[in-house]
Amino acid sequence: MARTTPCSSPDGRTARRSAPAHVLLVLLLGVLTACSSDGPRLFCPLGVPVRDASYMVRYDGQGRDLTNVLFEAELIDVLVLCSIDQDDESAEVELEVVVTIRAIRGLADQSREANFNYFVAVIDPKRNVMAREAFDMTVPFEGSQSRLRVEDRLETEFTIPSAEVSRDYKVYVGLELTPEEVELNRSRR
C-alpha cells in the first residue's frame, strides 16, 4: 500500500474533503452501478472500522486518571474510493482509502504530539487477509491546539476473478492497540 501525505486542519475540520463521505460514496456507487451492464456488477469494497480498535487512550504510566492521559485517538471515518478495470477473466481494483482520526491532547502530554499506529487490511469474501499493513501516525499539537482531526490517504490495488463481486471484499481499519486497550474498549460498551 502506498501512502500519501496526511492532511489536518487546526480548526478540527477535515481539510481535503469537499462533500460528506456518505455523499461521495453514494455518488460513486451510482456511477459504478450505471457503468456495469455485462457480467457481475462491480462496486467499491466497503470500508469498515474495527469496533474494538476504533478508540484509544494512552497514559503516562503513572496511573489511570485524567491527569495521566497523554492523548486520546479515535477512528472517525473510513472512506474507500476505487476504480475497477474489468476484462473477461479478471478485474483490477485500485483503491484509495481515506482514514480520518480525531486526536485529543491529554493533561500529561509534554511532547505536544500523539504517536500511534493504525492498520489497514483487505479481506476477501472467504475472510482471508489479502493484504495488511500498519502505518505510523504522528499528530502534532501546535500552539494551544488540543484537538485535531487528521486525514491519511493510502493507495493499494488487487486483482479478483471476474466472476467474483468486489463489494464482497472489505477494507478493515483500526488503531493498533495493546490487549489491555482492547479490553478497556470492550468494557466501555
N, C-alpha and C. Protein backbone atom coordinates (compact mmCIF):
# COMPACT_ATOMS: atom_id res chain seq x y z
N MET A 1 0.85 -1.17 0.00
CA MET A 1 0.00 0.00 0.00
C MET A 1 0.89 1.23 0.00
N ALA A 2 0.59 2.14 -0.87
CA ALA A 2 1.32 3.40 -0.92
C ALA A 2 0.62 4.40 -0.02
N ARG A 3 1.38 5.33 0.51
CA ARG A 3 0.82 6.30 1.44
C ARG A 3 1.03 7.69 0.89
N THR A 4 0.00 8.51 1.00
CA THR A 4 0.14 9.91 0.63
C THR A 4 0.25 10.73 1.90
N THR A 5 0.47 12.00 1.76
CA THR A 5 0.73 12.87 2.90
C THR A 5 -0.52 13.10 3.74
N PRO A 6 -0.38 12.98 5.08
CA PRO A 6 -1.53 13.28 5.94
C PRO A 6 -1.94 14.73 5.81
N CYS A 7 -3.17 15.01 6.11
CA CYS A 7 -3.70 16.36 5.99
C CYS A 7 -4.49 16.67 7.25
N SER A 8 -4.28 17.83 7.82
CA SER A 8 -5.04 18.20 9.02
C SER A 8 -5.38 19.67 8.97
N SER A 9 -6.32 20.06 9.81
CA SER A 9 -6.67 21.47 9.92
C SER A 9 -6.77 21.83 11.40
N PRO A 10 -6.28 23.00 11.78
CA PRO A 10 -6.27 23.37 13.18
C PRO A 10 -7.66 23.60 13.77
N ASP A 11 -8.65 23.89 12.94
CA ASP A 11 -9.99 24.16 13.49
C ASP A 11 -10.83 22.90 13.64
N GLY A 12 -10.23 21.72 13.43
CA GLY A 12 -10.95 20.48 13.65
C GLY A 12 -11.70 19.95 12.46
N ARG A 13 -11.67 20.66 11.32
CA ARG A 13 -12.35 20.17 10.12
C ARG A 13 -11.36 19.41 9.27
N THR A 14 -11.86 18.42 8.53
CA THR A 14 -11.02 17.70 7.60
C THR A 14 -10.76 18.60 6.40
N ALA A 15 -9.50 18.74 6.01
CA ALA A 15 -9.14 19.77 5.05
C ALA A 15 -9.39 19.42 3.59
N ARG A 16 -9.27 18.15 3.19
CA ARG A 16 -9.36 17.84 1.77
C ARG A 16 -10.69 17.23 1.35
N ARG A 17 -11.70 17.36 2.11
CA ARG A 17 -12.98 16.76 1.74
C ARG A 17 -13.93 17.88 1.36
N SER A 18 -14.48 17.82 0.14
CA SER A 18 -15.39 18.86 -0.31
C SER A 18 -16.85 18.49 -0.11
N ALA A 19 -17.13 17.21 0.17
CA ALA A 19 -18.50 16.76 0.43
C ALA A 19 -18.44 15.71 1.53
N PRO A 20 -19.52 15.51 2.28
CA PRO A 20 -19.50 14.47 3.30
C PRO A 20 -19.21 13.11 2.69
N ALA A 21 -18.56 12.24 3.47
CA ALA A 21 -18.14 10.93 2.97
C ALA A 21 -19.30 10.13 2.42
N HIS A 22 -20.45 10.15 3.09
CA HIS A 22 -21.57 9.33 2.62
C HIS A 22 -22.11 9.83 1.29
N VAL A 23 -22.02 11.14 1.02
CA VAL A 23 -22.46 11.68 -0.27
C VAL A 23 -21.54 11.19 -1.38
N LEU A 24 -20.22 11.26 -1.14
CA LEU A 24 -19.27 10.79 -2.15
C LEU A 24 -19.45 9.30 -2.43
N LEU A 25 -19.66 8.52 -1.38
CA LEU A 25 -19.82 7.09 -1.55
C LEU A 25 -21.07 6.77 -2.34
N VAL A 26 -22.18 7.43 -2.04
CA VAL A 26 -23.42 7.20 -2.78
C VAL A 26 -23.24 7.56 -4.25
N LEU A 27 -22.61 8.70 -4.51
CA LEU A 27 -22.38 9.11 -5.90
C LEU A 27 -21.49 8.10 -6.63
N LEU A 28 -20.43 7.65 -5.97
CA LEU A 28 -19.52 6.71 -6.59
C LEU A 28 -20.22 5.38 -6.86
N LEU A 29 -21.00 4.89 -5.91
CA LEU A 29 -21.72 3.63 -6.13
C LEU A 29 -22.71 3.75 -7.28
N GLY A 30 -23.36 4.89 -7.40
CA GLY A 30 -24.29 5.10 -8.50
C GLY A 30 -23.59 5.06 -9.84
N VAL A 31 -22.41 5.67 -9.93
CA VAL A 31 -21.65 5.66 -11.17
C VAL A 31 -21.20 4.24 -11.50
N LEU A 32 -20.68 3.50 -10.52
CA LEU A 32 -20.23 2.14 -10.79
C LEU A 32 -21.38 1.23 -11.20
N THR A 33 -22.54 1.40 -10.59
CA THR A 33 -23.70 0.58 -10.95
C THR A 33 -24.12 0.87 -12.38
N ALA A 34 -24.13 2.12 -12.77
CA ALA A 34 -24.57 2.50 -14.11
C ALA A 34 -23.61 2.02 -15.19
N CYS A 35 -22.32 1.89 -14.85
CA CYS A 35 -21.32 1.53 -15.86
C CYS A 35 -21.23 0.05 -16.14
N SER A 36 -21.81 -0.78 -15.32
CA SER A 36 -21.63 -2.22 -15.46
C SER A 36 -22.92 -2.86 -15.95
N SER A 37 -22.93 -3.29 -17.22
CA SER A 37 -24.12 -3.94 -17.73
C SER A 37 -23.88 -5.40 -18.06
N ASP A 38 -22.64 -5.80 -18.33
CA ASP A 38 -22.31 -7.19 -18.63
C ASP A 38 -21.69 -7.85 -17.41
N GLY A 39 -22.09 -9.07 -17.11
CA GLY A 39 -21.46 -9.81 -16.02
C GLY A 39 -21.85 -9.24 -14.67
N PRO A 40 -21.13 -9.67 -13.62
CA PRO A 40 -21.47 -9.20 -12.28
C PRO A 40 -21.18 -7.71 -12.15
N ARG A 41 -22.00 -7.03 -11.37
CA ARG A 41 -21.78 -5.61 -11.12
C ARG A 41 -20.64 -5.46 -10.13
N LEU A 42 -19.76 -4.53 -10.40
CA LEU A 42 -18.61 -4.32 -9.54
C LEU A 42 -18.79 -3.03 -8.75
N PHE A 43 -18.51 -3.10 -7.47
CA PHE A 43 -18.64 -1.97 -6.56
C PHE A 43 -17.34 -1.83 -5.78
N CYS A 44 -17.17 -0.67 -5.20
CA CYS A 44 -16.03 -0.48 -4.31
C CYS A 44 -16.22 -1.35 -3.07
N PRO A 45 -15.14 -1.94 -2.57
CA PRO A 45 -15.24 -2.65 -1.30
C PRO A 45 -15.66 -1.68 -0.20
N LEU A 46 -16.30 -2.21 0.80
CA LEU A 46 -16.78 -1.40 1.91
C LEU A 46 -15.64 -1.15 2.89
N GLY A 47 -15.50 0.09 3.37
CA GLY A 47 -14.55 0.43 4.43
C GLY A 47 -15.20 0.20 5.78
N VAL A 48 -14.55 -0.59 6.64
CA VAL A 48 -15.16 -0.98 7.91
C VAL A 48 -14.20 -0.64 9.07
N PRO A 49 -14.59 0.27 9.95
CA PRO A 49 -13.78 0.49 11.16
C PRO A 49 -13.94 -0.72 12.09
N VAL A 50 -12.85 -1.22 12.65
CA VAL A 50 -12.91 -2.33 13.58
C VAL A 50 -13.40 -1.77 14.92
N ARG A 51 -14.55 -2.25 15.35
CA ARG A 51 -15.24 -1.68 16.51
C ARG A 51 -14.36 -1.64 17.77
N ASP A 52 -13.71 -2.74 18.09
CA ASP A 52 -12.90 -2.79 19.31
C ASP A 52 -11.56 -2.09 19.15
N ALA A 53 -11.24 -1.62 17.96
CA ALA A 53 -9.96 -0.97 17.72
C ALA A 53 -10.15 0.43 17.12
N SER A 54 -11.24 1.09 17.48
CA SER A 54 -11.53 2.42 16.94
C SER A 54 -11.25 3.55 17.92
N TYR A 55 -10.82 3.23 19.14
CA TYR A 55 -10.60 4.25 20.15
C TYR A 55 -9.45 3.83 21.05
N MET A 56 -8.64 4.80 21.46
CA MET A 56 -7.55 4.51 22.39
C MET A 56 -7.33 5.68 23.33
N VAL A 57 -6.87 5.36 24.52
CA VAL A 57 -6.37 6.34 25.48
C VAL A 57 -4.98 5.86 25.86
N ARG A 58 -3.99 6.74 25.70
CA ARG A 58 -2.63 6.40 26.12
C ARG A 58 -2.31 7.19 27.38
N TYR A 59 -1.75 6.46 28.36
CA TYR A 59 -1.41 7.04 29.65
C TYR A 59 0.10 7.18 29.79
N ASP A 60 0.51 7.96 30.77
CA ASP A 60 1.93 8.21 31.01
C ASP A 60 2.62 7.12 31.83
N GLY A 61 1.88 6.11 32.26
CA GLY A 61 2.45 5.03 33.05
C GLY A 61 2.45 5.29 34.54
N GLN A 62 1.99 6.46 34.97
CA GLN A 62 1.98 6.81 36.39
C GLN A 62 0.63 6.54 37.05
N GLY A 63 -0.37 6.20 36.26
CA GLY A 63 -1.70 5.96 36.80
C GLY A 63 -2.72 5.95 35.69
N ARG A 64 -4.00 5.89 36.05
CA ARG A 64 -5.08 5.79 35.06
C ARG A 64 -6.16 6.82 35.27
N ASP A 65 -5.81 8.00 35.76
CA ASP A 65 -6.85 9.02 35.89
C ASP A 65 -6.61 10.12 34.86
N LEU A 66 -7.45 11.10 34.87
CA LEU A 66 -7.43 12.17 33.86
C LEU A 66 -6.09 12.88 33.78
N THR A 67 -5.40 13.03 34.90
CA THR A 67 -4.11 13.74 34.90
C THR A 67 -2.99 12.90 34.31
N ASN A 68 -3.23 11.62 34.03
CA ASN A 68 -2.21 10.73 33.46
C ASN A 68 -2.40 10.48 31.97
N VAL A 69 -3.38 11.11 31.35
CA VAL A 69 -3.66 10.88 29.93
C VAL A 69 -2.68 11.66 29.06
N LEU A 70 -1.97 10.93 28.19
CA LEU A 70 -1.10 11.58 27.19
C LEU A 70 -1.94 12.08 26.01
N PHE A 71 -2.78 11.18 25.49
CA PHE A 71 -3.67 11.56 24.39
C PHE A 71 -4.77 10.53 24.24
N GLU A 72 -5.81 10.94 23.52
CA GLU A 72 -6.86 10.03 23.07
C GLU A 72 -6.86 10.08 21.55
N ALA A 73 -7.17 8.97 20.92
CA ALA A 73 -7.30 8.93 19.45
C ALA A 73 -8.54 8.12 19.12
N GLU A 74 -9.28 8.58 18.12
CA GLU A 74 -10.49 7.88 17.71
C GLU A 74 -10.58 7.86 16.19
N LEU A 75 -10.82 6.68 15.66
CA LEU A 75 -11.05 6.50 14.23
C LEU A 75 -12.48 6.95 13.95
N ILE A 76 -12.65 8.02 13.17
CA ILE A 76 -14.00 8.55 12.99
C ILE A 76 -14.56 8.37 11.58
N ASP A 77 -13.72 8.02 10.61
CA ASP A 77 -14.25 7.83 9.26
C ASP A 77 -13.29 6.98 8.44
N VAL A 78 -13.85 6.08 7.64
CA VAL A 78 -13.10 5.31 6.65
C VAL A 78 -13.86 5.43 5.35
N LEU A 79 -13.23 6.00 4.35
CA LEU A 79 -13.83 6.17 3.04
C LEU A 79 -12.99 5.40 2.03
N VAL A 80 -13.63 4.58 1.22
CA VAL A 80 -12.93 3.81 0.19
C VAL A 80 -13.43 4.27 -1.17
N LEU A 81 -12.52 4.76 -1.97
CA LEU A 81 -12.81 5.13 -3.36
C LEU A 81 -12.07 4.13 -4.24
N CYS A 82 -12.62 3.84 -5.41
CA CYS A 82 -11.92 2.85 -6.24
C CYS A 82 -12.18 3.09 -7.72
N SER A 83 -11.32 2.46 -8.50
CA SER A 83 -11.57 2.32 -9.93
C SER A 83 -11.37 0.85 -10.25
N ILE A 84 -12.20 0.33 -11.15
CA ILE A 84 -12.18 -1.09 -11.48
C ILE A 84 -12.05 -1.24 -12.98
N ASP A 85 -11.03 -1.98 -13.40
CA ASP A 85 -10.79 -2.26 -14.82
C ASP A 85 -11.01 -3.74 -15.02
N GLN A 86 -12.10 -4.09 -15.72
CA GLN A 86 -12.51 -5.49 -15.83
C GLN A 86 -12.36 -6.00 -17.26
N ASP A 87 -11.90 -7.25 -17.37
CA ASP A 87 -11.96 -7.95 -18.66
C ASP A 87 -12.70 -9.26 -18.42
N ASP A 88 -12.64 -10.21 -19.37
CA ASP A 88 -13.40 -11.46 -19.24
C ASP A 88 -12.93 -12.35 -18.09
N GLU A 89 -11.65 -12.26 -17.73
CA GLU A 89 -11.11 -13.19 -16.74
C GLU A 89 -10.87 -12.60 -15.37
N SER A 90 -10.59 -11.30 -15.30
CA SER A 90 -10.26 -10.72 -14.00
C SER A 90 -10.64 -9.25 -13.96
N ALA A 91 -10.55 -8.70 -12.78
CA ALA A 91 -10.80 -7.28 -12.58
C ALA A 91 -9.68 -6.71 -11.71
N GLU A 92 -9.08 -5.63 -12.15
CA GLU A 92 -8.08 -4.91 -11.36
C GLU A 92 -8.81 -3.87 -10.55
N VAL A 93 -8.65 -3.92 -9.23
CA VAL A 93 -9.31 -2.98 -8.34
C VAL A 93 -8.24 -2.09 -7.73
N GLU A 94 -8.32 -0.79 -8.01
CA GLU A 94 -7.41 0.19 -7.41
C GLU A 94 -8.18 0.95 -6.34
N LEU A 95 -7.64 0.93 -5.12
CA LEU A 95 -8.32 1.57 -4.00
C LEU A 95 -7.58 2.80 -3.52
N GLU A 96 -8.34 3.79 -3.10
CA GLU A 96 -7.82 4.89 -2.31
C GLU A 96 -8.60 4.84 -1.00
N VAL A 97 -7.90 4.64 0.10
CA VAL A 97 -8.52 4.55 1.41
C VAL A 97 -8.20 5.84 2.16
N VAL A 98 -9.25 6.52 2.60
CA VAL A 98 -9.09 7.77 3.34
C VAL A 98 -9.50 7.51 4.79
N VAL A 99 -8.54 7.64 5.69
CA VAL A 99 -8.75 7.37 7.11
C VAL A 99 -8.74 8.71 7.86
N THR A 100 -9.81 8.97 8.63
CA THR A 100 -9.89 10.20 9.42
C THR A 100 -9.87 9.84 10.89
N ILE A 101 -8.95 10.47 11.62
CA ILE A 101 -8.76 10.21 13.04
C ILE A 101 -8.82 11.52 13.81
N ARG A 102 -9.49 11.48 14.96
CA ARG A 102 -9.53 12.64 15.86
C ARG A 102 -8.55 12.35 17.00
N ALA A 103 -7.71 13.33 17.32
CA ALA A 103 -6.78 13.19 18.43
C ALA A 103 -7.03 14.32 19.42
N ILE A 104 -6.95 13.97 20.72
CA ILE A 104 -7.15 14.95 21.79
C ILE A 104 -5.93 14.87 22.70
N ARG A 105 -5.32 16.01 22.93
CA ARG A 105 -4.14 16.08 23.79
C ARG A 105 -4.55 15.96 25.25
N GLY A 106 -3.83 15.11 26.00
CA GLY A 106 -4.14 14.90 27.41
C GLY A 106 -3.34 15.82 28.32
N LEU A 107 -3.71 15.85 29.56
CA LEU A 107 -3.07 16.71 30.55
C LEU A 107 -1.61 16.33 30.83
N ALA A 108 -1.25 15.05 30.69
CA ALA A 108 0.10 14.59 30.98
C ALA A 108 1.07 14.76 29.80
N ASP A 109 0.58 15.18 28.65
CA ASP A 109 1.43 15.28 27.47
C ASP A 109 2.42 16.44 27.59
N GLN A 110 3.70 16.13 27.40
CA GLN A 110 4.76 17.14 27.38
C GLN A 110 5.37 17.28 25.98
N SER A 111 5.18 16.28 25.13
CA SER A 111 5.83 16.27 23.81
C SER A 111 5.08 17.08 22.76
N ARG A 112 3.83 17.44 23.03
CA ARG A 112 2.97 18.18 22.11
C ARG A 112 2.69 17.40 20.83
N GLU A 113 2.67 16.05 20.94
CA GLU A 113 2.29 15.23 19.79
C GLU A 113 1.78 13.88 20.28
N ALA A 114 0.92 13.29 19.46
CA ALA A 114 0.40 11.95 19.73
C ALA A 114 1.01 11.01 18.70
N ASN A 115 1.66 9.96 19.16
CA ASN A 115 2.27 8.96 18.28
C ASN A 115 1.59 7.62 18.49
N PHE A 116 1.07 7.05 17.40
CA PHE A 116 0.41 5.75 17.47
C PHE A 116 0.40 5.14 16.08
N ASN A 117 -0.07 3.91 15.98
CA ASN A 117 -0.15 3.21 14.70
C ASN A 117 -1.60 2.83 14.43
N TYR A 118 -1.91 2.68 13.16
CA TYR A 118 -3.18 2.09 12.76
C TYR A 118 -2.91 1.11 11.64
N PHE A 119 -3.87 0.22 11.39
CA PHE A 119 -3.68 -0.78 10.35
C PHE A 119 -4.82 -0.71 9.33
N VAL A 120 -4.51 -1.19 8.13
CA VAL A 120 -5.49 -1.35 7.05
C VAL A 120 -5.33 -2.77 6.52
N ALA A 121 -6.45 -3.49 6.43
CA ALA A 121 -6.41 -4.87 5.94
C ALA A 121 -7.50 -5.06 4.89
N VAL A 122 -7.15 -5.69 3.78
CA VAL A 122 -8.11 -6.04 2.73
C VAL A 122 -8.48 -7.50 2.93
N ILE A 123 -9.78 -7.78 3.05
CA ILE A 123 -10.29 -9.12 3.34
C ILE A 123 -11.14 -9.60 2.17
N ASP A 124 -10.92 -10.85 1.73
CA ASP A 124 -11.70 -11.39 0.61
C ASP A 124 -13.03 -11.96 1.11
N PRO A 125 -13.91 -12.41 0.21
CA PRO A 125 -15.22 -12.92 0.63
C PRO A 125 -15.17 -14.14 1.57
N LYS A 126 -14.06 -14.87 1.54
CA LYS A 126 -13.92 -16.03 2.42
C LYS A 126 -13.23 -15.65 3.74
N ARG A 127 -13.09 -14.36 3.98
CA ARG A 127 -12.49 -13.78 5.19
C ARG A 127 -10.99 -14.04 5.30
N ASN A 128 -10.33 -14.25 4.15
CA ASN A 128 -8.87 -14.36 4.12
C ASN A 128 -8.28 -12.96 4.02
N VAL A 129 -7.18 -12.74 4.71
CA VAL A 129 -6.49 -11.45 4.65
C VAL A 129 -5.63 -11.43 3.39
N MET A 130 -5.99 -10.56 2.45
CA MET A 130 -5.22 -10.43 1.21
C MET A 130 -4.01 -9.53 1.39
N ALA A 131 -4.17 -8.51 2.22
CA ALA A 131 -3.09 -7.57 2.50
C ALA A 131 -3.37 -6.92 3.84
N ARG A 132 -2.32 -6.69 4.62
CA ARG A 132 -2.45 -5.98 5.89
C ARG A 132 -1.17 -5.19 6.11
N GLU A 133 -1.34 -3.94 6.47
CA GLU A 133 -0.17 -3.11 6.70
C GLU A 133 -0.48 -2.12 7.82
N ALA A 134 0.55 -1.86 8.63
CA ALA A 134 0.43 -0.89 9.72
C ALA A 134 1.11 0.40 9.31
N PHE A 135 0.57 1.50 9.79
CA PHE A 135 1.10 2.83 9.46
C PHE A 135 1.32 3.62 10.74
N ASP A 136 2.44 4.33 10.80
CA ASP A 136 2.73 5.22 11.92
C ASP A 136 1.95 6.51 11.72
N MET A 137 1.45 7.06 12.80
CA MET A 137 0.74 8.33 12.75
C MET A 137 1.32 9.23 13.85
N THR A 138 1.70 10.43 13.48
CA THR A 138 2.11 11.44 14.44
C THR A 138 1.21 12.64 14.24
N VAL A 139 0.54 13.03 15.32
CA VAL A 139 -0.35 14.19 15.28
C VAL A 139 0.30 15.28 16.12
N PRO A 140 0.80 16.34 15.48
CA PRO A 140 1.43 17.43 16.25
C PRO A 140 0.38 18.41 16.78
N PHE A 141 0.50 18.75 18.05
CA PHE A 141 -0.37 19.77 18.65
C PHE A 141 0.45 21.05 18.73
N GLU A 142 0.18 21.98 17.82
CA GLU A 142 0.94 23.23 17.76
C GLU A 142 0.23 24.32 18.55
N GLY A 143 1.02 25.19 19.17
CA GLY A 143 0.44 26.29 19.93
C GLY A 143 -0.50 25.80 21.01
N SER A 144 -1.70 26.33 21.01
CA SER A 144 -2.68 25.96 22.03
C SER A 144 -3.64 24.86 21.57
N GLN A 145 -3.34 24.23 20.45
CA GLN A 145 -4.21 23.17 19.94
C GLN A 145 -4.27 22.00 20.91
N SER A 146 -5.49 21.52 21.15
CA SER A 146 -5.64 20.34 21.99
C SER A 146 -6.50 19.28 21.31
N ARG A 147 -7.17 19.65 20.21
CA ARG A 147 -8.00 18.70 19.44
C ARG A 147 -7.70 18.90 17.96
N LEU A 148 -7.50 17.80 17.27
CA LEU A 148 -7.26 17.84 15.83
C LEU A 148 -7.93 16.67 15.15
N ARG A 149 -8.30 16.90 13.90
CA ARG A 149 -8.73 15.83 13.00
C ARG A 149 -7.64 15.71 11.95
N VAL A 150 -7.18 14.50 11.72
CA VAL A 150 -6.17 14.28 10.68
C VAL A 150 -6.71 13.27 9.68
N GLU A 151 -6.28 13.43 8.46
CA GLU A 151 -6.71 12.56 7.37
C GLU A 151 -5.48 11.96 6.73
N ASP A 152 -5.50 10.66 6.54
CA ASP A 152 -4.41 9.95 5.88
C ASP A 152 -4.98 9.24 4.67
N ARG A 153 -4.28 9.32 3.55
CA ARG A 153 -4.72 8.69 2.30
C ARG A 153 -3.73 7.60 1.91
N LEU A 154 -4.27 6.43 1.58
CA LEU A 154 -3.46 5.29 1.20
C LEU A 154 -3.96 4.76 -0.14
N GLU A 155 -3.06 4.17 -0.91
CA GLU A 155 -3.45 3.57 -2.18
C GLU A 155 -2.96 2.14 -2.23
N THR A 156 -3.79 1.26 -2.77
CA THR A 156 -3.41 -0.13 -2.97
C THR A 156 -4.21 -0.69 -4.14
N GLU A 157 -3.81 -1.84 -4.63
CA GLU A 157 -4.57 -2.47 -5.71
C GLU A 157 -4.50 -3.99 -5.56
N PHE A 158 -5.49 -4.66 -6.12
CA PHE A 158 -5.51 -6.11 -6.12
C PHE A 158 -6.33 -6.58 -7.30
N THR A 159 -6.20 -7.86 -7.63
CA THR A 159 -6.91 -8.47 -8.76
C THR A 159 -7.88 -9.51 -8.22
N ILE A 160 -9.08 -9.53 -8.80
CA ILE A 160 -10.06 -10.55 -8.43
C ILE A 160 -10.56 -11.23 -9.71
N PRO A 161 -11.01 -12.47 -9.60
CA PRO A 161 -11.63 -13.12 -10.77
C PRO A 161 -12.89 -12.35 -11.17
N SER A 162 -13.17 -12.25 -12.45
CA SER A 162 -14.34 -11.51 -12.93
C SER A 162 -15.64 -12.05 -12.37
N ALA A 163 -15.68 -13.32 -12.04
CA ALA A 163 -16.92 -13.91 -11.53
C ALA A 163 -17.23 -13.47 -10.10
N GLU A 164 -16.24 -12.96 -9.38
CA GLU A 164 -16.47 -12.52 -8.00
C GLU A 164 -17.05 -11.12 -7.98
N VAL A 165 -17.69 -10.78 -6.91
CA VAL A 165 -18.29 -9.46 -6.76
C VAL A 165 -17.40 -8.65 -5.81
N SER A 166 -16.91 -7.53 -6.28
CA SER A 166 -15.95 -6.75 -5.50
C SER A 166 -16.52 -6.21 -4.20
N ARG A 167 -17.84 -6.01 -4.12
CA ARG A 167 -18.40 -5.48 -2.88
C ARG A 167 -18.34 -6.51 -1.75
N ASP A 168 -18.05 -7.79 -2.07
CA ASP A 168 -17.89 -8.81 -1.04
C ASP A 168 -16.52 -8.72 -0.37
N TYR A 169 -15.64 -7.87 -0.88
CA TYR A 169 -14.35 -7.62 -0.24
C TYR A 169 -14.56 -6.48 0.75
N LYS A 170 -13.77 -6.47 1.81
CA LYS A 170 -13.88 -5.44 2.84
C LYS A 170 -12.50 -4.85 3.11
N VAL A 171 -12.49 -3.59 3.49
CA VAL A 171 -11.27 -2.92 3.92
C VAL A 171 -11.47 -2.57 5.39
N TYR A 172 -10.79 -3.31 6.27
CA TYR A 172 -10.89 -3.09 7.71
C TYR A 172 -9.79 -2.14 8.14
N VAL A 173 -10.15 -1.18 9.01
CA VAL A 173 -9.19 -0.21 9.53
C VAL A 173 -9.37 -0.13 11.03
N GLY A 174 -8.25 -0.10 11.75
CA GLY A 174 -8.32 0.02 13.20
C GLY A 174 -7.02 0.58 13.76
N LEU A 175 -7.10 1.05 14.98
CA LEU A 175 -5.91 1.50 15.70
C LEU A 175 -5.20 0.27 16.24
N GLU A 176 -3.87 0.27 16.22
CA GLU A 176 -3.14 -0.86 16.79
C GLU A 176 -3.09 -0.66 18.30
N LEU A 177 -3.71 -1.59 19.00
CA LEU A 177 -3.86 -1.48 20.45
C LEU A 177 -3.18 -2.63 21.17
N THR A 178 -2.86 -2.41 22.43
CA THR A 178 -2.39 -3.49 23.29
C THR A 178 -3.61 -4.33 23.69
N PRO A 179 -3.41 -5.57 24.14
CA PRO A 179 -4.55 -6.37 24.62
C PRO A 179 -5.31 -5.65 25.74
N GLU A 180 -4.60 -4.94 26.61
CA GLU A 180 -5.25 -4.19 27.69
C GLU A 180 -6.15 -3.08 27.13
N GLU A 181 -5.70 -2.40 26.08
CA GLU A 181 -6.50 -1.33 25.48
C GLU A 181 -7.76 -1.90 24.80
N VAL A 182 -7.64 -3.07 24.19
CA VAL A 182 -8.80 -3.71 23.57
C VAL A 182 -9.83 -4.05 24.65
N GLU A 183 -9.36 -4.63 25.75
CA GLU A 183 -10.27 -4.97 26.85
C GLU A 183 -10.93 -3.72 27.43
N LEU A 184 -10.20 -2.63 27.55
CA LEU A 184 -10.78 -1.37 28.03
C LEU A 184 -11.90 -0.91 27.09
N ASN A 185 -11.68 -1.01 25.78
CA ASN A 185 -12.72 -0.63 24.81
C ASN A 185 -13.94 -1.53 24.94
N ARG A 186 -13.72 -2.82 25.12
CA ARG A 186 -14.86 -3.74 25.26
C ARG A 186 -15.64 -3.48 26.54
N SER A 187 -14.96 -3.08 27.59
CA SER A 187 -15.66 -2.81 28.86
C SER A 187 -16.44 -1.50 28.83
N ARG A 188 -16.13 -0.63 27.89
CA ARG A 188 -16.80 0.67 27.80
C ARG A 188 -18.16 0.58 27.10
N ARG A 189 -18.45 -0.55 26.43
CA ARG A 189 -19.70 -0.69 25.69
C ARG A 189 -20.89 -0.75 26.59
